[in-house]
Amino acid sequence: MQEWFTRIPSLELAEPWWLLLLPVLLVAAWFRERRDRLGKRPAILFPGLEPLRDMGFGAGRILRLLPQWLRWIALFISVIALTGPRLLYRQTEAEAKGIDVMLVLDISDSMLQKDFAGESRLDAAKDVARNFVLQRSNDRIGLVVFRGRGYTQCPLTLDHDVLAMLLDRLTPGVIQDEGTAIGTAILIAVNRLKVSESSNKVIILVTDGENNTGEVGPATAAGFALQSGIRIYAINAGVISSGNRLDVTGERGNHTVMDEESLRGIARTTGGRYFAVNDHAAFGETMKAIDRLEKKRISGTMMERRSGLFTRLVLTVLALIFLEIILSNTRFLRIP
């Protein structure tokens, strides 16, 4: 909640002395109200108002005063516009520019195992990654998928809706090669991030198997990431709950034993962190933890951005005056 409040912009007034006109408006409003209370004898006298009311010409007190209130509100907003109001947004330099993130997602057959409370590991990873993508409006995010080989499903982009759509449609069938080429996938992501001018570059690796194919090992790929200033957060989706502890899964066949120490080494080498998850909720908390770690890391020089409100206020005043004129000459036309 505190973080949400820090994102609320503050209001600045370039020329606040124009606010001295507000007491003048209050005095004018008081004189107008006093004059109306004393009243003037109408130029046309009616023996009775009931027939007019029956014909639909009557209006309640609030509606009768509506045009007048529109006029006073327009005058009030005009004074505020004269003060030169503007919204002040404060962000750290890194928050304003965003970071570059490559999601590296394992889509091997073992990721289809439904041990996440009836949900497959891949579906949980896709859902959490989708939410992560849609919540980071300032960040460029890309996607690398891999099995026996890897390829870039989506380059770094700010079009997060397209990336979310690609995640929704992702299936293991997009790659036919068997195996788990973690090192190759990391290297592809590193090459994508190397050309980035951002000073904050991150790889989020999600896998449930050990590296068993490809020409580059995970440790070697992590070394290239370190040289390029890229941090790797490794998420192990190949664990199951056993009592109060987490165990590495031991199924054979399409699913191989997760080399947990290798993933720890990848994260440790690049200054990232290793996470083990066993359900959808843990997946979500892991992504939030990564988000917090990156925000803490990039907090630095504060930048200020101002957005003027003068034009919008003037347009509002014109709209109110136009509405007041229309109502005063149609539905709320007064006699005399």
C-alpha atoms as a PDB file:
ATOM      1  CA  MET A   1       0.000   0.000   0.000  1.00  0.00           C
ATOM      2  CA  GLN A   2       2.850   2.389   0.840  1.00  0.00           C
ATOM      3  CA  GLU A   3       4.413   1.738  -2.564  1.00  0.00           C
ATOM      4  CA  TRP A   4       1.080   2.581  -4.225  1.00  0.00           C
ATOM      5  CA  PHE A   5       0.909   5.935  -2.428  1.00  0.00           C
ATOM      6  CA  THR A   6       4.433   6.846  -3.531  1.00  0.00           C
ATOM      7  CA  ARG A   7       3.271   6.594  -7.148  1.00  0.00           C
ATOM      8  CA  ILE A   8       0.550   9.250  -6.684  1.00  0.00           C
ATOM      9  CA  PRO A   9       1.693  12.487  -8.382  1.00  0.00           C
ATOM     10  CA  SER A  10       1.807  15.729  -6.420  1.00  0.00           C
ATOM     11  CA  LEU A  11       0.322  19.038  -7.579  1.00  0.00           C
ATOM     12  CA  GLU A  12       2.420  22.149  -8.235  1.00  0.00           C
ATOM     13  CA  LEU A  13       1.226  25.704  -8.903  1.00  0.00           C
ATOM     14  CA  ALA A  14       3.520  27.860 -11.053  1.00  0.00           C
ATOM     15  CA  GLU A  15       1.785  31.146 -10.135  1.00  0.00           C
ATOM     16  CA  PRO A  16      -0.170  30.548  -6.913  1.00  0.00           C
ATOM     17  CA  TRP A  17      -0.936  34.267  -6.310  1.00  0.00           C
ATOM     18  CA  TRP A  18      -3.852  33.946  -8.758  1.00  0.00           C
ATOM     19  CA  LEU A  19      -5.603  32.129  -5.910  1.00  0.00           C
ATOM     20  CA  LEU A  20      -6.216  35.570  -4.381  1.00  0.00           C
ATOM     21  CA  LEU A  21      -9.068  35.851  -6.875  1.00  0.00           C
ATOM     22  CA  LEU A  22     -10.985  33.096  -5.069  1.00  0.00           C
ATOM     23  CA  PRO A  23     -12.089  35.361  -2.166  1.00  0.00           C
ATOM     24  CA  VAL A  24     -13.286  37.858  -4.782  1.00  0.00           C
ATOM     25  CA  LEU A  25     -15.424  35.110  -6.331  1.00  0.00           C
ATOM     26  CA  LEU A  26     -16.823  34.209  -2.898  1.00  0.00           C
ATOM     27  CA  VAL A  27     -17.808  37.834  -2.256  1.00  0.00           C
ATOM     28  CA  ALA A  28     -19.405  38.089  -5.702  1.00  0.00           C
ATOM     29  CA  ALA A  29     -21.331  34.870  -5.079  1.00  0.00           C
ATOM     30  CA  TRP A  30     -22.537  36.216  -1.719  1.00  0.00           C
ATOM     31  CA  PHE A  31     -23.782  39.467  -3.293  1.00  0.00           C
ATOM     32  CA  ARG A  32     -25.528  37.488  -6.045  1.00  0.00           C
ATOM     33  CA  GLU A  33     -27.227  35.240  -3.505  1.00  0.00           C
ATOM     34  CA  ARG A  34     -28.254  38.235  -1.374  1.00  0.00           C
ATOM     35  CA  ARG A  35     -29.723  40.019  -4.402  1.00  0.00           C
ATOM     36  CA  ASP A  36     -31.660  36.902  -5.348  1.00  0.00           C
ATOM     37  CA  ARG A  37     -33.016  36.576  -1.807  1.00  0.00           C
ATOM     38  CA  LEU A  38     -34.253  40.182  -1.825  1.00  0.00           C
ATOM     39  CA  GLY A  39     -35.669  39.466  -5.231  1.00  0.00           C
ATOM     40  CA  LYS A  40     -37.029  41.612  -8.026  1.00  0.00           C
ATOM     41  CA  ARG A  41     -40.685  41.846  -8.976  1.00  0.00           C
ATOM     42  CA  PRO A  42     -41.085  39.947 -12.260  1.00  0.00           C
ATOM     43  CA  ALA A  43     -41.939  41.909 -15.361  1.00  0.00           C
ATOM     44  CA  ILE A  44     -44.756  39.482 -16.190  1.00  0.00           C
ATOM     45  CA  LEU A  45     -47.196  38.482 -13.485  1.00  0.00           C
ATOM     46  CA  PHE A  46     -49.026  35.181 -13.550  1.00  0.00           C
ATOM     47  CA  PRO A  47     -52.214  34.623 -11.535  1.00  0.00           C
ATOM     48  CA  GLY A  48     -51.051  31.103 -10.781  1.00  0.00           C
ATOM     49  CA  LEU A  49     -48.052  28.870 -11.518  1.00  0.00           C
ATOM     50  CA  GLU A  50     -49.791  25.525 -11.222  1.00  0.00           C
ATOM     51  CA  PRO A  51     -50.885  25.409 -14.890  1.00  0.00           C
ATOM     52  CA  LEU A  52     -47.304  26.052 -15.971  1.00  0.00           C
ATOM     53  CA  ARG A  53     -46.018  23.348 -13.669  1.00  0.00           C
ATOM     54  CA  ASP A  54     -48.647  20.944 -14.985  1.00  0.00           C
ATOM     55  CA  MET A  55     -47.383  21.660 -18.497  1.00  0.00           C
ATOM     56  CA  GLY A  56     -43.857  20.676 -17.492  1.00  0.00           C
ATOM     57  CA  PHE A  57     -42.322  24.132 -17.154  1.00  0.00           C
ATOM     58  CA  GLY A  58     -41.549  23.766 -13.455  1.00  0.00           C
ATOM     59  CA  ALA A  59     -38.208  22.676 -12.016  1.00  0.00           C
ATOM     60  CA  GLY A  60     -36.928  21.888  -8.539  1.00  0.00           C
ATOM     61  CA  ARG A  61     -34.611  24.269  -6.719  1.00  0.00           C
ATOM     62  CA  ILE A  62     -31.493  22.235  -7.470  1.00  0.00           C
ATOM     63  CA  LEU A  63     -32.269  22.032 -11.173  1.00  0.00           C
ATOM     64  CA  ARG A  64     -33.149  25.727 -11.310  1.00  0.00           C
ATOM     65  CA  LEU A  65     -29.763  26.598  -9.879  1.00  0.00           C
ATOM     66  CA  LEU A  66     -27.849  24.211 -12.154  1.00  0.00           C
ATOM     67  CA  PRO A  67     -26.935  26.779 -14.871  1.00  0.00           C
ATOM     68  CA  GLN A  68     -25.821  29.227 -12.197  1.00  0.00           C
ATOM     69  CA  TRP A  69     -23.653  26.616 -10.505  1.00  0.00           C
ATOM     70  CA  LEU A  70     -22.114  25.630 -13.845  1.00  0.00           C
ATOM     71  CA  ARG A  71     -21.138  29.288 -14.347  1.00  0.00           C
ATOM     72  CA  TRP A  72     -19.539  29.560 -10.889  1.00  0.00           C
ATOM     73  CA  ILE A  73     -17.686  26.277 -11.293  1.00  0.00           C
ATOM     74  CA  ALA A  74     -16.342  27.485 -14.646  1.00  0.00           C
ATOM     75  CA  LEU A  75     -15.103  30.688 -12.979  1.00  0.00           C
ATOM     76  CA  PHE A  76     -13.467  28.682 -10.182  1.00  0.00           C
ATOM     77  CA  ILE A  77     -11.682  26.373 -12.628  1.00  0.00           C
ATOM     78  CA  SER A  78     -10.572  29.421 -14.643  1.00  0.00           C
ATOM     79  CA  VAL A  79      -8.802  30.798 -11.576  1.00  0.00           C
ATOM     80  CA  ILE A  80      -7.138  27.437 -10.944  1.00  0.00           C
ATOM     81  CA  ALA A  81      -5.998  27.343 -14.598  1.00  0.00           C
ATOM     82  CA  LEU A  82      -4.391  30.800 -14.216  1.00  0.00           C
ATOM     83  CA  THR A  83      -2.166  29.419 -11.439  1.00  0.00           C
ATOM     84  CA  GLY A  84      -0.433  27.128 -13.952  1.00  0.00           C
ATOM     85  CA  PRO A  85      -1.127  23.790 -12.220  1.00  0.00           C
ATOM     86  CA  ARG A  86       0.930  20.755 -13.150  1.00  0.00           C
ATOM     87  CA  LEU A  87       1.303  17.210 -11.891  1.00  0.00           C
ATOM     88  CA  LEU A  88       4.737  16.221 -10.602  1.00  0.00           C
ATOM     89  CA  TYR A  89       5.761  12.576 -11.027  1.00  0.00           C
ATOM     90  CA  ARG A  90       8.829  11.294  -9.177  1.00  0.00           C
ATOM     91  CA  GLN A  91      10.600   8.118 -10.278  1.00  0.00           C
ATOM     92  CA  THR A  92      14.074   6.739 -10.046  1.00  0.00           C
ATOM     93  CA  GLU A  93      15.967   6.912 -13.321  1.00  0.00           C
ATOM     94  CA  ALA A  94      15.858   3.139 -13.691  1.00  0.00           C
ATOM     95  CA  GLU A  95      12.122   2.958 -12.969  1.00  0.00           C
ATOM     96  CA  ALA A  96      11.437   5.621 -15.576  1.00  0.00           C
ATOM     97  CA  LYS A  97      13.513   3.882 -18.244  1.00  0.00           C
ATOM     98  CA  GLY A  98      12.583   0.356 -17.172  1.00  0.00           C
ATOM     99  CA  ILE A  99      14.724  -2.768 -17.367  1.00  0.00           C
ATOM    100  CA  ASP A 100      15.198  -5.361 -20.082  1.00  0.00           C
ATOM    101  CA  VAL A 101      13.979  -8.851 -19.213  1.00  0.00           C
ATOM    102  CA  MET A 102      14.247 -12.088 -21.171  1.00  0.00           C
ATOM    103  CA  LEU A 103      11.933 -14.871 -20.033  1.00  0.00           C
ATOM    104  CA  VAL A 104      13.550 -18.236 -20.753  1.00  0.00           C
ATOM    105  CA  LEU A 105      10.900 -20.946 -20.522  1.00  0.00           C
ATOM    106  CA  ASP A 106      11.338 -24.715 -20.630  1.00  0.00           C
ATOM    107  CA  ILE A 107       8.578 -26.309 -22.767  1.00  0.00           C
ATOM    108  CA  SER A 108       9.747 -29.923 -22.608  1.00  0.00           C
ATOM    109  CA  ASP A 109       7.199 -32.709 -22.114  1.00  0.00           C
ATOM    110  CA  SER A 110       8.014 -32.962 -18.403  1.00  0.00           C
ATOM    111  CA  MET A 111       6.605 -29.450 -17.951  1.00  0.00           C
ATOM    112  CA  LEU A 112       3.182 -30.926 -18.796  1.00  0.00           C
ATOM    113  CA  GLN A 113       3.073 -32.903 -15.548  1.00  0.00           C
ATOM    114  CA  LYS A 114       0.046 -31.835 -13.531  1.00  0.00           C
ATOM    115  CA  ASP A 115       1.578 -31.791 -10.071  1.00  0.00           C
ATOM    116  CA  PHE A 116       0.695 -28.150  -9.349  1.00  0.00           C
ATOM    117  CA  ALA A 117      -2.673 -28.910  -7.677  1.00  0.00           C
ATOM    118  CA  GLY A 118      -3.971 -30.433 -10.915  1.00  0.00           C
ATOM    119  CA  GLU A 119      -2.359 -27.765 -13.081  1.00  0.00           C
ATOM    120  CA  SER A 120       0.637 -28.473 -15.273  1.00  0.00           C
ATOM    121  CA  ARG A 121       3.958 -26.819 -14.555  1.00  0.00           C
ATOM    122  CA  LEU A 122       3.885 -25.181 -17.977  1.00  0.00           C
ATOM    123  CA  ASP A 123       0.390 -23.740 -17.513  1.00  0.00           C
ATOM    124  CA  ALA A 124       1.349 -22.326 -14.123  1.00  0.00           C
ATOM    125  CA  ALA A 125       4.531 -20.825 -15.562  1.00  0.00           C
ATOM    126  CA  LYS A 126       2.633 -19.291 -18.497  1.00  0.00           C
ATOM    127  CA  ASP A 127      -0.041 -17.774 -16.266  1.00  0.00           C
ATOM    128  CA  VAL A 128       2.431 -16.267 -13.787  1.00  0.00           C
ATOM    129  CA  ALA A 129       4.681 -15.010 -16.595  1.00  0.00           C
ATOM    130  CA  ARG A 130       1.679 -13.430 -18.319  1.00  0.00           C
ATOM    131  CA  ASN A 131       0.712 -11.511 -15.167  1.00  0.00           C
ATOM    132  CA  PHE A 132       4.324 -10.447 -14.698  1.00  0.00           C
ATOM    133  CA  VAL A 133       4.513  -9.120 -18.262  1.00  0.00           C
ATOM    134  CA  LEU A 134       1.272  -7.130 -18.067  1.00  0.00           C
ATOM    135  CA  GLN A 135       2.287  -5.430 -14.814  1.00  0.00           C
ATOM    136  CA  ARG A 136       5.593  -3.998 -16.095  1.00  0.00           C
ATOM    137  CA  SER A 137       4.622  -1.201 -18.451  1.00  0.00           C
ATOM    138  CA  ASN A 138       8.068   0.441 -18.562  1.00  0.00           C
ATOM    139  CA  ASP A 139      10.101  -2.717 -19.161  1.00  0.00           C
ATOM    140  CA  ARG A 140      11.053  -4.285 -22.453  1.00  0.00           C
ATOM    141  CA  ILE A 141      10.429  -8.013 -22.181  1.00  0.00           C
ATOM    142  CA  GLY A 142      11.246 -10.865 -24.553  1.00  0.00           C
ATOM    143  CA  LEU A 143      10.691 -14.615 -24.600  1.00  0.00           C
ATOM    144  CA  VAL A 144      13.008 -17.545 -25.346  1.00  0.00           C
ATOM    145  CA  VAL A 145      11.572 -21.072 -25.320  1.00  0.00           C
ATOM    146  CA  PHE A 146      13.567 -24.298 -25.371  1.00  0.00           C
ATOM    147  CA  ARG A 147      13.560 -28.069 -25.382  1.00  0.00           C
ATOM    148  CA  GLY A 148      16.375 -29.918 -27.191  1.00  0.00           C
ATOM    149  CA  ARG A 149      17.135 -26.553 -28.777  1.00  0.00           C
ATOM    150  CA  GLY A 150      16.013 -23.017 -28.124  1.00  0.00           C
ATOM    151  CA  TYR A 151      14.804 -20.087 -30.143  1.00  0.00           C
ATOM    152  CA  THR A 152      13.473 -16.564 -29.634  1.00  0.00           C
ATOM    153  CA  GLN A 153       9.706 -16.633 -29.520  1.00  0.00           C
ATOM    154  CA  CYS A 154       9.535 -12.861 -29.021  1.00  0.00           C
ATOM    155  CA  PRO A 155      12.345 -10.260 -29.071  1.00  0.00           C
ATOM    156  CA  LEU A 156      12.481  -7.472 -26.487  1.00  0.00           C
ATOM    157  CA  THR A 157       9.304  -5.458 -26.821  1.00  0.00           C
ATOM    158  CA  LEU A 158       7.068  -2.957 -25.065  1.00  0.00           C
ATOM    159  CA  ASP A 159       4.019  -4.493 -26.749  1.00  0.00           C
ATOM    160  CA  HIS A 160       3.133  -6.597 -23.736  1.00  0.00           C
ATOM    161  CA  ASP A 161      -0.293  -7.567 -25.067  1.00  0.00           C
ATOM    162  CA  VAL A 162       1.338  -9.380 -27.990  1.00  0.00           C
ATOM    163  CA  LEU A 163       3.787 -11.123 -25.679  1.00  0.00           C
ATOM    164  CA  ALA A 164       0.942 -12.187 -23.379  1.00  0.00           C
ATOM    165  CA  MET A 165      -0.884 -13.633 -26.406  1.00  0.00           C
ATOM    166  CA  LEU A 166       2.212 -15.600 -27.422  1.00  0.00           C
ATOM    167  CA  LEU A 167       2.485 -17.009 -23.903  1.00  0.00           C
ATOM    168  CA  ASP A 168      -1.171 -18.079 -23.975  1.00  0.00           C
ATOM    169  CA  ARG A 169      -0.674 -19.974 -27.240  1.00  0.00           C
ATOM    170  CA  LEU A 170       2.622 -21.605 -26.269  1.00  0.00           C
ATOM    171  CA  THR A 171       2.756 -25.431 -26.469  1.00  0.00           C
ATOM    172  CA  PRO A 172       5.629 -27.952 -26.413  1.00  0.00           C
ATOM    173  CA  GLY A 173       4.884 -28.774 -30.040  1.00  0.00           C
ATOM    174  CA  VAL A 174       6.586 -25.621 -31.321  1.00  0.00           C
ATOM    175  CA  ILE A 175       9.930 -27.439 -30.892  1.00  0.00           C
ATOM    176  CA  GLN A 176      10.307 -31.086 -31.866  1.00  0.00           C
ATOM    177  CA  ASP A 177      13.848 -31.718 -30.616  1.00  0.00           C
ATOM    178  CA  GLU A 178      13.961 -33.849 -27.469  1.00  0.00           C
ATOM    179  CA  GLY A 179      16.094 -32.965 -24.472  1.00  0.00           C
ATOM    180  CA  THR A 180      16.711 -29.907 -22.328  1.00  0.00           C
ATOM    181  CA  ALA A 181      19.235 -27.380 -23.656  1.00  0.00           C
ATOM    182  CA  ILE A 182      19.404 -24.940 -20.754  1.00  0.00           C
ATOM    183  CA  GLY A 183      22.829 -23.574 -21.683  1.00  0.00           C
ATOM    184  CA  THR A 184      21.786 -22.924 -25.287  1.00  0.00           C
ATOM    185  CA  ALA A 185      18.632 -21.116 -24.176  1.00  0.00           C
ATOM    186  CA  ILE A 186      20.571 -18.895 -21.760  1.00  0.00           C
ATOM    187  CA  LEU A 187      23.086 -18.045 -24.490  1.00  0.00           C
ATOM    188  CA  ILE A 188      20.280 -17.054 -26.895  1.00  0.00           C
ATOM    189  CA  ALA A 189      18.835 -14.747 -24.239  1.00  0.00           C
ATOM    190  CA  VAL A 190      22.285 -13.288 -23.510  1.00  0.00           C
ATOM    191  CA  ASN A 191      22.790 -12.489 -27.191  1.00  0.00           C
ATOM    192  CA  ARG A 192      19.431 -10.724 -27.262  1.00  0.00           C
ATOM    193  CA  LEU A 193      20.312  -8.638 -24.211  1.00  0.00           C
ATOM    194  CA  LYS A 194      23.890  -7.852 -25.212  1.00  0.00           C
ATOM    195  CA  VAL A 195      22.733  -5.303 -27.810  1.00  0.00           C
ATOM    196  CA  SER A 196      20.496  -3.568 -25.284  1.00  0.00           C
ATOM    197  CA  GLU A 197      21.549  -0.131 -24.067  1.00  0.00           C
ATOM    198  CA  SER A 198      19.808  -0.637 -20.725  1.00  0.00           C
ATOM    199  CA  SER A 199      22.024  -0.726 -17.664  1.00  0.00           C
ATOM    200  CA  ASN A 200      19.709  -3.283 -16.029  1.00  0.00           C
ATOM    201  CA  LYS A 201      19.369  -6.594 -17.834  1.00  0.00           C
ATOM    202  CA  VAL A 202      17.780  -9.718 -16.393  1.00  0.00           C
ATOM    203  CA  ILE A 203      17.101 -13.320 -17.444  1.00  0.00           C
ATOM    204  CA  ILE A 204      14.334 -15.260 -15.683  1.00  0.00           C
ATOM    205  CA  LEU A 205      14.920 -18.969 -16.321  1.00  0.00           C
ATOM    206  CA  VAL A 206      12.097 -21.451 -15.655  1.00  0.00           C
ATOM    207  CA  THR A 207      12.885 -25.158 -16.023  1.00  0.00           C
ATOM    208  CA  ASP A 208      12.282 -28.542 -14.406  1.00  0.00           C
ATOM    209  CA  GLY A 209      15.055 -30.634 -15.972  1.00  0.00           C
ATOM    210  CA  GLU A 210      18.829 -30.797 -16.139  1.00  0.00           C
ATOM    211  CA  ASN A 211      20.878 -29.717 -19.133  1.00  0.00           C
ATOM    212  CA  ASN A 212      21.450 -32.816 -21.295  1.00  0.00           C
ATOM    213  CA  THR A 213      21.953 -31.471 -24.798  1.00  0.00           C
ATOM    214  CA  GLY A 214      23.263 -28.461 -26.675  1.00  0.00           C
ATOM    215  CA  GLU A 215      26.774 -27.281 -27.444  1.00  0.00           C
ATOM    216  CA  VAL A 216      27.005 -24.863 -24.517  1.00  0.00           C
ATOM    217  CA  GLY A 217      26.740 -25.810 -20.859  1.00  0.00           C
ATOM    218  CA  PRO A 218      24.810 -23.724 -18.322  1.00  0.00           C
ATOM    219  CA  ALA A 219      27.964 -22.689 -16.461  1.00  0.00           C
ATOM    220  CA  THR A 220      29.604 -21.438 -19.662  1.00  0.00           C
ATOM    221  CA  ALA A 221      26.456 -19.544 -20.672  1.00  0.00           C
ATOM    222  CA  ALA A 222      26.269 -18.017 -17.180  1.00  0.00           C
ATOM    223  CA  GLY A 223      29.854 -16.815 -17.639  1.00  0.00           C
ATOM    224  CA  PHE A 224      28.846 -14.988 -20.824  1.00  0.00           C
ATOM    225  CA  ALA A 225      25.905 -13.475 -18.963  1.00  0.00           C
ATOM    226  CA  LEU A 226      28.221 -12.231 -16.220  1.00  0.00           C
ATOM    227  CA  GLN A 227      30.522 -10.598 -18.784  1.00  0.00           C
ATOM    228  CA  SER A 228      27.521  -8.754 -20.250  1.00  0.00           C
ATOM    229  CA  GLY A 229      26.259  -7.578 -16.859  1.00  0.00           C
ATOM    230  CA  ILE A 230      23.162  -9.805 -16.987  1.00  0.00           C
ATOM    231  CA  ARG A 231      21.633 -11.306 -13.853  1.00  0.00           C
ATOM    232  CA  ILE A 232      19.923 -14.684 -13.988  1.00  0.00           C
ATOM    233  CA  TYR A 233      17.066 -15.691 -11.711  1.00  0.00           C
ATOM    234  CA  ALA A 234      16.678 -19.470 -11.886  1.00  0.00           C
ATOM    235  CA  ILE A 235      13.299 -20.978 -11.012  1.00  0.00           C
ATOM    236  CA  ASN A 236      13.147 -24.733 -10.404  1.00  0.00           C
ATOM    237  CA  ALA A 237       9.675 -26.000 -11.271  1.00  0.00           C
ATOM    238  CA  GLY A 238      10.718 -29.632 -10.856  1.00  0.00           C
ATOM    239  CA  VAL A 239      10.065 -30.045  -7.150  1.00  0.00           C
ATOM    240  CA  ILE A 240       7.210 -31.720  -5.301  1.00  0.00           C
ATOM    241  CA  SER A 241       6.058 -31.232  -1.750  1.00  0.00           C
ATOM    242  CA  SER A 242       6.888 -34.019   0.699  1.00  0.00           C
ATOM    243  CA  GLY A 243       5.626 -33.269   4.173  1.00  0.00           C
ATOM    244  CA  ASN A 244       7.163 -29.970   5.145  1.00  0.00           C
ATOM    245  CA  ARG A 245      10.060 -30.079   2.709  1.00  0.00           C
ATOM    246  CA  LEU A 246      10.672 -29.873  -1.018  1.00  0.00           C
ATOM    247  CA  ASP A 247      12.279 -32.733  -2.909  1.00  0.00           C
ATOM    248  CA  VAL A 248      13.727 -32.789  -6.379  1.00  0.00           C
ATOM    249  CA  THR A 249      11.510 -34.976  -8.534  1.00  0.00           C
ATOM    250  CA  GLY A 250      12.965 -38.303  -9.537  1.00  0.00           C
ATOM    251  CA  GLU A 251      10.845 -39.497 -12.411  1.00  0.00           C
ATOM    252  CA  ARG A 252      12.786 -40.912 -15.323  1.00  0.00           C
ATOM    253  CA  GLY A 253      11.966 -41.109 -19.000  1.00  0.00           C
ATOM    254  CA  ASN A 254      10.977 -37.754 -20.462  1.00  0.00           C
ATOM    255  CA  HIS A 255      11.634 -36.143 -17.115  1.00  0.00           C
ATOM    256  CA  THR A 256      15.200 -36.158 -15.839  1.00  0.00           C
ATOM    257  CA  VAL A 257      16.428 -35.341 -12.400  1.00  0.00           C
ATOM    258  CA  MET A 258      16.863 -31.618 -11.874  1.00  0.00           C
ATOM    259  CA  ASP A 259      20.460 -30.634 -11.368  1.00  0.00           C
ATOM    260  CA  GLU A 260      19.571 -28.257  -8.563  1.00  0.00           C
ATOM    261  CA  GLU A 261      23.167 -27.329  -7.772  1.00  0.00           C
ATOM    262  CA  SER A 262      23.724 -26.326 -11.392  1.00  0.00           C
ATOM    263  CA  LEU A 263      20.820 -23.870 -11.221  1.00  0.00           C
ATOM    264  CA  ARG A 264      22.116 -22.468  -7.950  1.00  0.00           C
ATOM    265  CA  GLY A 265      25.506 -21.976  -9.589  1.00  0.00           C
ATOM    266  CA  ILE A 266      23.985 -20.135 -12.571  1.00  0.00           C
ATOM    267  CA  ALA A 267      22.176 -17.696 -10.274  1.00  0.00           C
ATOM    268  CA  ARG A 268      25.132 -17.275  -7.936  1.00  0.00           C
ATOM    269  CA  THR A 269      27.595 -16.610 -10.767  1.00  0.00           C
ATOM    270  CA  THR A 270      25.532 -13.788 -12.247  1.00  0.00           C
ATOM    271  CA  GLY A 271      24.380 -12.151  -9.012  1.00  0.00           C
ATOM    272  CA  GLY A 272      20.837 -13.452  -9.295  1.00  0.00           C
ATOM    273  CA  ARG A 273      18.957 -15.891  -7.073  1.00  0.00           C
ATOM    274  CA  TYR A 274      17.679 -19.452  -7.147  1.00  0.00           C
ATOM    275  CA  PHE A 275      14.056 -20.343  -6.340  1.00  0.00           C
ATOM    276  CA  ALA A 276      12.261 -23.677  -5.975  1.00  0.00           C
ATOM    277  CA  VAL A 277       8.479 -23.758  -6.468  1.00  0.00           C
ATOM    278  CA  ASN A 278       5.916 -26.488  -6.025  1.00  0.00           C
ATOM    279  CA  ASP A 279       2.577 -24.808  -6.750  1.00  0.00           C
ATOM    280  CA  HIS A 280       0.956 -21.896  -8.533  1.00  0.00           C
ATOM    281  CA  ALA A 281       0.961 -19.654  -5.462  1.00  0.00           C
ATOM    282  CA  ALA A 282       4.676 -20.233  -4.879  1.00  0.00           C
ATOM    283  CA  PHE A 283       5.292 -19.387  -8.532  1.00  0.00           C
ATOM    284  CA  GLY A 284       3.458 -16.095  -8.116  1.00  0.00           C
ATOM    285  CA  GLU A 285       5.326 -15.226  -4.914  1.00  0.00           C
ATOM    286  CA  THR A 286       8.624 -15.992  -6.632  1.00  0.00           C
ATOM    287  CA  MET A 287       7.906 -13.543  -9.439  1.00  0.00           C
ATOM    288  CA  LYS A 288       6.915 -10.908  -6.875  1.00  0.00           C
ATOM    289  CA  ALA A 289      10.173 -11.557  -5.014  1.00  0.00           C
ATOM    290  CA  ILE A 290      12.150 -11.051  -8.228  1.00  0.00           C
ATOM    291  CA  ASP A 291      10.231  -7.832  -8.846  1.00  0.00           C
ATOM    292  CA  ARG A 292      11.084  -6.563  -5.341  1.00  0.00           C
ATOM    293  CA  LEU A 293      14.752  -7.495  -5.721  1.00  0.00           C
ATOM    294  CA  GLU A 294      15.038  -5.597  -8.983  1.00  0.00           C
ATOM    295  CA  LYS A 295      13.228  -2.522  -7.639  1.00  0.00           C
ATOM    296  CA  LYS A 296      15.531  -2.467  -4.629  1.00  0.00           C
ATOM    297  CA  ARG A 297      18.563  -2.834  -6.865  1.00  0.00           C
ATOM    298  CA  ILE A 298      17.650  -0.065  -9.298  1.00  0.00           C
ATOM    299  CA  SER A 299      16.605   2.554  -6.738  1.00  0.00           C
ATOM    300  CA  GLY A 300      18.878   5.502  -7.319  1.00  0.00           C
ATOM    301  CA  THR A 301      18.832   8.991  -8.787  1.00  0.00           C
ATOM    302  CA  MET A 302      15.364  10.498  -8.574  1.00  0.00           C
ATOM    303  CA  MET A 303      13.889  11.928 -11.745  1.00  0.00           C
ATOM    304  CA  GLU A 304      11.022  14.418 -11.915  1.00  0.00           C
ATOM    305  CA  ARG A 305       8.494  14.701 -14.723  1.00  0.00           C
ATOM    306  CA  ARG A 306       5.857  17.420 -14.938  1.00  0.00           C
ATOM    307  CA  SER A 307       2.576  17.381 -16.825  1.00  0.00           C
ATOM    308  CA  GLY A 308       0.760  20.711 -17.312  1.00  0.00           C
ATOM    309  CA  LEU A 309      -2.987  20.876 -16.741  1.00  0.00           C
ATOM    310  CA  PHE A 310      -3.738  24.339 -18.222  1.00  0.00           C
ATOM    311  CA  THR A 311      -5.073  23.125 -21.577  1.00  0.00           C
ATOM    312  CA  ARG A 312      -7.301  20.473 -20.015  1.00  0.00           C
ATOM    313  CA  LEU A 313      -8.722  22.958 -17.521  1.00  0.00           C
ATOM    314  CA  VAL A 314      -9.464  25.543 -20.225  1.00  0.00           C
ATOM    315  CA  LEU A 315     -11.278  22.909 -22.283  1.00  0.00           C
ATOM    316  CA  THR A 316     -13.292  21.988 -19.190  1.00  0.00           C
ATOM    317  CA  VAL A 317     -14.230  25.652 -18.655  1.00  0.00           C
ATOM    318  CA  LEU A 318     -15.378  26.011 -22.266  1.00  0.00           C
ATOM    319  CA  ALA A 319     -17.452  22.839 -21.984  1.00  0.00           C
ATOM    320  CA  LEU A 320     -19.137  24.075 -18.783  1.00  0.00           C
ATOM    321  CA  ILE A 321     -19.910  27.491 -20.279  1.00  0.00           C
ATOM    322  CA  PHE A 322     -21.320  25.869 -23.422  1.00  0.00           C
ATOM    323  CA  LEU A 323     -23.492  23.563 -21.315  1.00  0.00           C
ATOM    324  CA  GLU A 324     -24.674  26.498 -19.186  1.00  0.00           C
ATOM    325  CA  ILE A 325     -25.668  28.479 -22.286  1.00  0.00           C
ATOM    326  CA  ILE A 326     -27.551  25.517 -23.766  1.00  0.00           C
ATOM    327  CA  LEU A 327     -29.461  24.779 -20.545  1.00  0.00           C
ATOM    328  CA  SER A 328     -30.238  28.448 -19.843  1.00  0.00           C
ATOM    329  CA  ASN A 329     -31.807  28.861 -23.255  1.00  0.00           C
ATOM    330  CA  THR A 330     -33.688  25.553 -23.425  1.00  0.00           C
ATOM    331  CA  ARG A 331     -34.860  23.402 -20.524  1.00  0.00           C
ATOM    332  CA  PHE A 332     -34.047  25.995 -17.822  1.00  0.00           C
ATOM    333  CA  LEU A 333     -35.122  29.101 -19.700  1.00  0.00           C
ATOM    334  CA  ARG A 334     -36.433  31.536 -17.106  1.00  0.00           C
ATOM    335  CA  ILE A 335     -39.440  33.856 -17.461  1.00  0.00           C
ATOM    336  CA  PRO A 336     -38.583  36.675 -17.401  1.00  0.00           C
END
